[in-house]
């Protein structure tokens, strides 16, 4: 006897696979950016797609167990391109991303189930705020192994350009301070 699948079964599988794929793509493109073989725009666009798919999943999936399983898969997909980094780094990034991703989804589902009307903007704000926080924490943790002690975090040319552009504003607020002075002179002021 052939049994049929419940309505939306294949749609849910397709959405979940797409979401996990977007997580892996985001992690891969972020890794390329950290290795200086890719730009920052590609991982940001991939993250936007990922966040949109996660939000769609929150809106469409009622089962907490299903969301938990997908959250684990999303986290693994995101961290997989960084598997060669120190274990503490990848574990810390994975845990922080997972916790905020799961928390955001729980709060989003709670908003859906606790209201007669679905307020998309409220659900999006609640869910995406937590997911973004987790992604930022994970990104910072994954960035740290790529910092080289001999290279400054901000290139000298960029820093000088910032100081030059900020100097007129600083001088209006604090006339006695000139950012072009040596550090020793600034310390005396």
C-alpha atoms as a PDB file:
ATOM      1  CA  UNK A   1       0.000   0.000   0.000  1.00  0.00           C
ATOM      2  CA  UNK A   2       1.289   3.427  -0.967  1.00  0.00           C
ATOM      3  CA  UNK A   3       0.809   6.178   1.604  1.00  0.00           C
ATOM      4  CA  UNK A   4       0.816   9.823   0.691  1.00  0.00           C
ATOM      5  CA  UNK A   5       2.842  12.499   2.425  1.00  0.00           C
ATOM      6  CA  UNK A   6       1.113  15.267   4.359  1.00  0.00           C
ATOM      7  CA  UNK A   7       0.512  18.534   2.486  1.00  0.00           C
ATOM      8  CA  UNK A   8       3.601  20.712   2.348  1.00  0.00           C
ATOM      9  CA  UNK A   9       5.986  17.859   3.187  1.00  0.00           C
ATOM     10  CA  UNK A  10       8.172  18.259   0.112  1.00  0.00           C
ATOM     11  CA  UNK A  11       8.020  22.044   0.321  1.00  0.00           C
ATOM     12  CA  UNK A  12       9.367  21.870   3.881  1.00  0.00           C
ATOM     13  CA  UNK A  13      12.196  19.541   2.833  1.00  0.00           C
ATOM     14  CA  UNK A  14      13.067  21.843  -0.077  1.00  0.00           C
ATOM     15  CA  UNK A  15      13.037  24.948   2.173  1.00  0.00           C
ATOM     16  CA  UNK A  16      15.182  23.206   4.792  1.00  0.00           C
ATOM     17  CA  UNK A  17      17.714  22.023   2.214  1.00  0.00           C
ATOM     18  CA  UNK A  18      17.868  25.511   0.728  1.00  0.00           C
ATOM     19  CA  UNK A  19      18.397  27.023   4.191  1.00  0.00           C
ATOM     20  CA  UNK A  20      21.225  24.634   5.079  1.00  0.00           C
ATOM     21  CA  UNK A  21      22.778  25.284   1.660  1.00  0.00           C
ATOM     22  CA  UNK A  22      22.571  29.035   2.266  1.00  0.00           C
ATOM     23  CA  UNK A  23      24.256  28.536   5.663  1.00  0.00           C
ATOM     24  CA  UNK A  24      27.126  26.626   4.078  1.00  0.00           C
ATOM     25  CA  UNK A  25      27.425  29.221   1.302  1.00  0.00           C
ATOM     26  CA  UNK A  26      27.521  32.037   3.858  1.00  0.00           C
ATOM     27  CA  UNK A  27      30.250  30.279   5.843  1.00  0.00           C
ATOM     28  CA  UNK A  28      32.237  29.487   2.701  1.00  0.00           C
ATOM     29  CA  UNK A  29      32.058  33.045   1.372  1.00  0.00           C
ATOM     30  CA  UNK A  30      32.977  34.473   4.771  1.00  0.00           C
ATOM     31  CA  UNK A  31      35.990  32.147   4.832  1.00  0.00           C
ATOM     32  CA  UNK A  32      36.984  33.424   1.381  1.00  0.00           C
ATOM     33  CA  UNK A  33      36.715  36.988   2.675  1.00  0.00           C
ATOM     34  CA  UNK A  34      38.904  36.192   5.696  1.00  0.00           C
ATOM     35  CA  UNK A  35      41.499  34.574   3.464  1.00  0.00           C
ATOM     36  CA  UNK A  36      41.403  37.718   1.315  1.00  0.00           C
ATOM     37  CA  UNK A  37      40.309  35.804  -1.797  1.00  0.00           C
ATOM     38  CA  UNK A  38      36.813  37.283  -1.829  1.00  0.00           C
ATOM     39  CA  UNK A  39      35.025  40.492  -1.002  1.00  0.00           C
ATOM     40  CA  UNK A  40      32.702  41.311   1.876  1.00  0.00           C
ATOM     41  CA  UNK A  41      29.608  41.851  -0.273  1.00  0.00           C
ATOM     42  CA  UNK A  42      29.146  38.179  -1.216  1.00  0.00           C
ATOM     43  CA  UNK A  43      28.976  36.827   2.380  1.00  0.00           C
ATOM     44  CA  UNK A  44      26.676  39.688   3.401  1.00  0.00           C
ATOM     45  CA  UNK A  45      24.256  38.885   0.569  1.00  0.00           C
ATOM     46  CA  UNK A  46      24.451  35.171   1.412  1.00  0.00           C
ATOM     47  CA  UNK A  47      23.720  35.974   5.075  1.00  0.00           C
ATOM     48  CA  UNK A  48      20.727  38.061   4.016  1.00  0.00           C
ATOM     49  CA  UNK A  49      19.400  35.119   1.998  1.00  0.00           C
ATOM     50  CA  UNK A  50      20.058  32.780   4.932  1.00  0.00           C
ATOM     51  CA  UNK A  51      18.261  35.052   7.404  1.00  0.00           C
ATOM     52  CA  UNK A  52      15.294  35.361   5.040  1.00  0.00           C
ATOM     53  CA  UNK A  53      15.047  31.581   4.679  1.00  0.00           C
ATOM     54  CA  UNK A  54      15.297  31.077   8.452  1.00  0.00           C
ATOM     55  CA  UNK A  55      12.521  33.624   8.977  1.00  0.00           C
ATOM     56  CA  UNK A  56      10.392  31.861   6.385  1.00  0.00           C
ATOM     57  CA  UNK A  57      11.028  28.582   8.195  1.00  0.00           C
ATOM     58  CA  UNK A  58       9.932  30.123  11.490  1.00  0.00           C
ATOM     59  CA  UNK A  59       6.695  31.284   9.875  1.00  0.00           C
ATOM     60  CA  UNK A  60       5.935  27.953   8.184  1.00  0.00           C
ATOM     61  CA  UNK A  61       7.196  25.283  10.594  1.00  0.00           C
ATOM     62  CA  UNK A  62       5.219  24.604  13.759  1.00  0.00           C
ATOM     63  CA  UNK A  63       7.150  21.643  15.121  1.00  0.00           C
ATOM     64  CA  UNK A  64       9.849  22.685  17.632  1.00  0.00           C
ATOM     65  CA  UNK A  65      11.666  19.386  17.096  1.00  0.00           C
ATOM     66  CA  UNK A  66      11.794  20.022  13.351  1.00  0.00           C
ATOM     67  CA  UNK A  67      13.144  23.569  13.933  1.00  0.00           C
ATOM     68  CA  UNK A  68      15.726  22.220  16.410  1.00  0.00           C
ATOM     69  CA  UNK A  69      16.982  19.659  13.891  1.00  0.00           C
ATOM     70  CA  UNK A  70      17.206  22.289  11.161  1.00  0.00           C
ATOM     71  CA  UNK A  71      18.961  24.704  13.544  1.00  0.00           C
ATOM     72  CA  UNK A  72      21.617  22.069  14.219  1.00  0.00           C
ATOM     73  CA  UNK A  73      22.020  21.490  10.466  1.00  0.00           C
ATOM     74  CA  UNK A  74      22.231  25.242   9.769  1.00  0.00           C
ATOM     75  CA  UNK A  75      24.912  25.626  12.431  1.00  0.00           C
ATOM     76  CA  UNK A  76      26.931  22.714  11.053  1.00  0.00           C
ATOM     77  CA  UNK A  77      26.591  24.106   7.526  1.00  0.00           C
ATOM     78  CA  UNK A  78      27.792  27.531   8.633  1.00  0.00           C
ATOM     79  CA  UNK A  79      30.788  26.204  10.593  1.00  0.00           C
ATOM     80  CA  UNK A  80      31.855  23.461   8.165  1.00  0.00           C
ATOM     81  CA  UNK A  81      34.145  25.719   6.063  1.00  0.00           C
ATOM     82  CA  UNK A  82      36.081  26.529   9.271  1.00  0.00           C
ATOM     83  CA  UNK A  83      36.584  22.956  10.480  1.00  0.00           C
ATOM     84  CA  UNK A  84      40.378  23.227  10.172  1.00  0.00           C
ATOM     85  CA  UNK A  85      40.578  26.074  12.718  1.00  0.00           C
ATOM     86  CA  UNK A  86      41.316  25.359  16.385  1.00  0.00           C
ATOM     87  CA  UNK A  87      38.532  23.379  18.047  1.00  0.00           C
ATOM     88  CA  UNK A  88      37.895  26.036  20.696  1.00  0.00           C
ATOM     89  CA  UNK A  89      37.336  28.629  17.980  1.00  0.00           C
ATOM     90  CA  UNK A  90      34.915  26.578  15.902  1.00  0.00           C
ATOM     91  CA  UNK A  91      33.118  25.242  18.976  1.00  0.00           C
ATOM     92  CA  UNK A  92      32.711  28.731  20.431  1.00  0.00           C
ATOM     93  CA  UNK A  93      31.448  30.096  17.127  1.00  0.00           C
ATOM     94  CA  UNK A  94      29.081  27.152  16.649  1.00  0.00           C
ATOM     95  CA  UNK A  95      27.651  27.382  20.170  1.00  0.00           C
ATOM     96  CA  UNK A  96      27.140  31.147  20.032  1.00  0.00           C
ATOM     97  CA  UNK A  97      25.514  30.962  16.596  1.00  0.00           C
ATOM     98  CA  UNK A  98      23.330  27.987  17.571  1.00  0.00           C
ATOM     99  CA  UNK A  99      22.133  29.538  20.857  1.00  0.00           C
ATOM    100  CA  UNK A 100      21.106  32.851  19.293  1.00  0.00           C
ATOM    101  CA  UNK A 101      19.637  31.177  16.202  1.00  0.00           C
ATOM    102  CA  UNK A 102      17.542  28.835  18.344  1.00  0.00           C
ATOM    103  CA  UNK A 103      16.533  31.609  20.750  1.00  0.00           C
ATOM    104  CA  UNK A 104      15.426  33.870  17.889  1.00  0.00           C
ATOM    105  CA  UNK A 105      13.344  31.101  16.350  1.00  0.00           C
ATOM    106  CA  UNK A 106      11.704  30.243  19.677  1.00  0.00           C
ATOM    107  CA  UNK A 107      10.747  33.864  20.276  1.00  0.00           C
ATOM    108  CA  UNK A 108       9.462  34.188  16.715  1.00  0.00           C
ATOM    109  CA  UNK A 109       7.277  31.091  17.075  1.00  0.00           C
ATOM    110  CA  UNK A 110       6.026  32.313  20.450  1.00  0.00           C
ATOM    111  CA  UNK A 111       4.927  35.588  18.826  1.00  0.00           C
ATOM    112  CA  UNK A 112       3.113  33.659  16.091  1.00  0.00           C
ATOM    113  CA  UNK A 113       1.322  31.311  18.465  1.00  0.00           C
ATOM    114  CA  UNK A 114       0.494  33.952  21.072  1.00  0.00           C
ATOM    115  CA  UNK A 115      -1.336  36.334  18.760  1.00  0.00           C
ATOM    116  CA  UNK A 116      -4.543  36.176  16.792  1.00  0.00           C
ATOM    117  CA  UNK A 117      -2.902  38.147  13.984  1.00  0.00           C
ATOM    118  CA  UNK A 118       0.564  37.501  12.639  1.00  0.00           C
ATOM    119  CA  UNK A 119       2.580  40.702  12.861  1.00  0.00           C
ATOM    120  CA  UNK A 120       5.369  40.049  10.406  1.00  0.00           C
ATOM    121  CA  UNK A 121       7.465  43.068  11.393  1.00  0.00           C
ATOM    122  CA  UNK A 122       7.408  42.107  15.070  1.00  0.00           C
ATOM    123  CA  UNK A 123       8.309  38.492  14.324  1.00  0.00           C
ATOM    124  CA  UNK A 124      11.071  39.566  11.946  1.00  0.00           C
ATOM    125  CA  UNK A 125      12.515  42.021  14.456  1.00  0.00           C
ATOM    126  CA  UNK A 126      12.481  39.461  17.262  1.00  0.00           C
ATOM    127  CA  UNK A 127      13.883  36.614  15.199  1.00  0.00           C
ATOM    128  CA  UNK A 128      16.395  38.466  13.048  1.00  0.00           C
ATOM    129  CA  UNK A 129      17.750  40.498  15.961  1.00  0.00           C
ATOM    130  CA  UNK A 130      18.829  37.346  17.789  1.00  0.00           C
ATOM    131  CA  UNK A 131      20.125  35.650  14.643  1.00  0.00           C
ATOM    132  CA  UNK A 132      22.190  38.709  13.735  1.00  0.00           C
ATOM    133  CA  UNK A 133      23.693  38.826  17.220  1.00  0.00           C
ATOM    134  CA  UNK A 134      24.693  35.173  16.982  1.00  0.00           C
ATOM    135  CA  UNK A 135      26.145  35.679  13.505  1.00  0.00           C
ATOM    136  CA  UNK A 136      28.195  38.670  14.680  1.00  0.00           C
ATOM    137  CA  UNK A 137      29.583  36.764  17.685  1.00  0.00           C
ATOM    138  CA  UNK A 138      30.428  33.768  15.491  1.00  0.00           C
ATOM    139  CA  UNK A 139      32.003  36.020  12.846  1.00  0.00           C
ATOM    140  CA  UNK A 140      34.241  37.677  15.420  1.00  0.00           C
ATOM    141  CA  UNK A 141      35.346  34.342  16.866  1.00  0.00           C
ATOM    142  CA  UNK A 142      36.063  32.975  13.394  1.00  0.00           C
ATOM    143  CA  UNK A 143      37.945  36.175  12.482  1.00  0.00           C
ATOM    144  CA  UNK A 144      40.438  35.937  15.360  1.00  0.00           C
ATOM    145  CA  UNK A 145      42.601  33.096  13.936  1.00  0.00           C
ATOM    146  CA  UNK A 146      43.113  35.157  10.777  1.00  0.00           C
ATOM    147  CA  UNK A 147      44.610  38.131  12.645  1.00  0.00           C
ATOM    148  CA  UNK A 148      48.352  38.289  12.083  1.00  0.00           C
ATOM    149  CA  UNK A 149      50.449  39.922  14.806  1.00  0.00           C
ATOM    150  CA  UNK A 150      52.616  41.712  12.257  1.00  0.00           C
ATOM    151  CA  UNK A 151      49.616  43.218  10.429  1.00  0.00           C
ATOM    152  CA  UNK A 152      47.507  45.901  12.079  1.00  0.00           C
ATOM    153  CA  UNK A 153      43.754  45.352  12.144  1.00  0.00           C
ATOM    154  CA  UNK A 154      43.337  48.668  10.331  1.00  0.00           C
ATOM    155  CA  UNK A 155      45.870  49.398   7.558  1.00  0.00           C
ATOM    156  CA  UNK A 156      47.999  52.503   8.190  1.00  0.00           C
ATOM    157  CA  UNK A 157      46.686  54.251   5.071  1.00  0.00           C
ATOM    158  CA  UNK A 158      43.065  53.765   6.170  1.00  0.00           C
ATOM    159  CA  UNK A 159      43.847  54.923   9.704  1.00  0.00           C
ATOM    160  CA  UNK A 160      45.635  58.045   8.426  1.00  0.00           C
ATOM    161  CA  UNK A 161      42.721  58.877   6.127  1.00  0.00           C
ATOM    162  CA  UNK A 162      40.293  58.516   9.048  1.00  0.00           C
ATOM    163  CA  UNK A 163      42.411  60.748  11.305  1.00  0.00           C
ATOM    164  CA  UNK A 164      42.714  63.392   8.583  1.00  0.00           C
ATOM    165  CA  UNK A 165      38.963  63.435   7.972  1.00  0.00           C
ATOM    166  CA  UNK A 166      38.129  63.461  11.708  1.00  0.00           C
ATOM    167  CA  UNK A 167      40.644  66.168  12.659  1.00  0.00           C
ATOM    168  CA  UNK A 168      38.493  69.223  11.685  1.00  0.00           C
ATOM    169  CA  UNK A 169      35.501  67.903  13.673  1.00  0.00           C
ATOM    170  CA  UNK A 170      37.645  67.089  16.688  1.00  0.00           C
ATOM    171  CA  UNK A 171      39.229  70.543  16.584  1.00  0.00           C
ATOM    172  CA  UNK A 172      35.809  72.214  16.597  1.00  0.00           C
ATOM    173  CA  UNK A 173      34.852  70.293  19.729  1.00  0.00           C
ATOM    174  CA  UNK A 174      38.296  70.418  21.384  1.00  0.00           C
ATOM    175  CA  UNK A 175      40.315  73.349  19.969  1.00  0.00           C
ATOM    176  CA  UNK A 176      43.450  72.428  21.952  1.00  0.00           C
ATOM    177  CA  UNK A 177      43.724  68.957  20.414  1.00  0.00           C
ATOM    178  CA  UNK A 178      45.357  68.427  17.040  1.00  0.00           C
ATOM    179  CA  UNK A 179      45.330  64.810  15.862  1.00  0.00           C
ATOM    180  CA  UNK A 180      48.360  65.550  13.682  1.00  0.00           C
ATOM    181  CA  UNK A 181      50.502  66.034  16.808  1.00  0.00           C
ATOM    182  CA  UNK A 182      52.658  63.133  18.019  1.00  0.00           C
ATOM    183  CA  UNK A 183      51.060  60.820  20.587  1.00  0.00           C
ATOM    184  CA  UNK A 184      53.316  62.190  23.348  1.00  0.00           C
ATOM    185  CA  UNK A 185      52.037  65.726  22.751  1.00  0.00           C
ATOM    186  CA  UNK A 186      48.418  64.510  22.729  1.00  0.00           C
ATOM    187  CA  UNK A 187      48.986  62.770  26.054  1.00  0.00           C
ATOM    188  CA  UNK A 188      50.262  66.005  27.641  1.00  0.00           C
ATOM    189  CA  UNK A 189      47.155  67.899  26.499  1.00  0.00           C
END
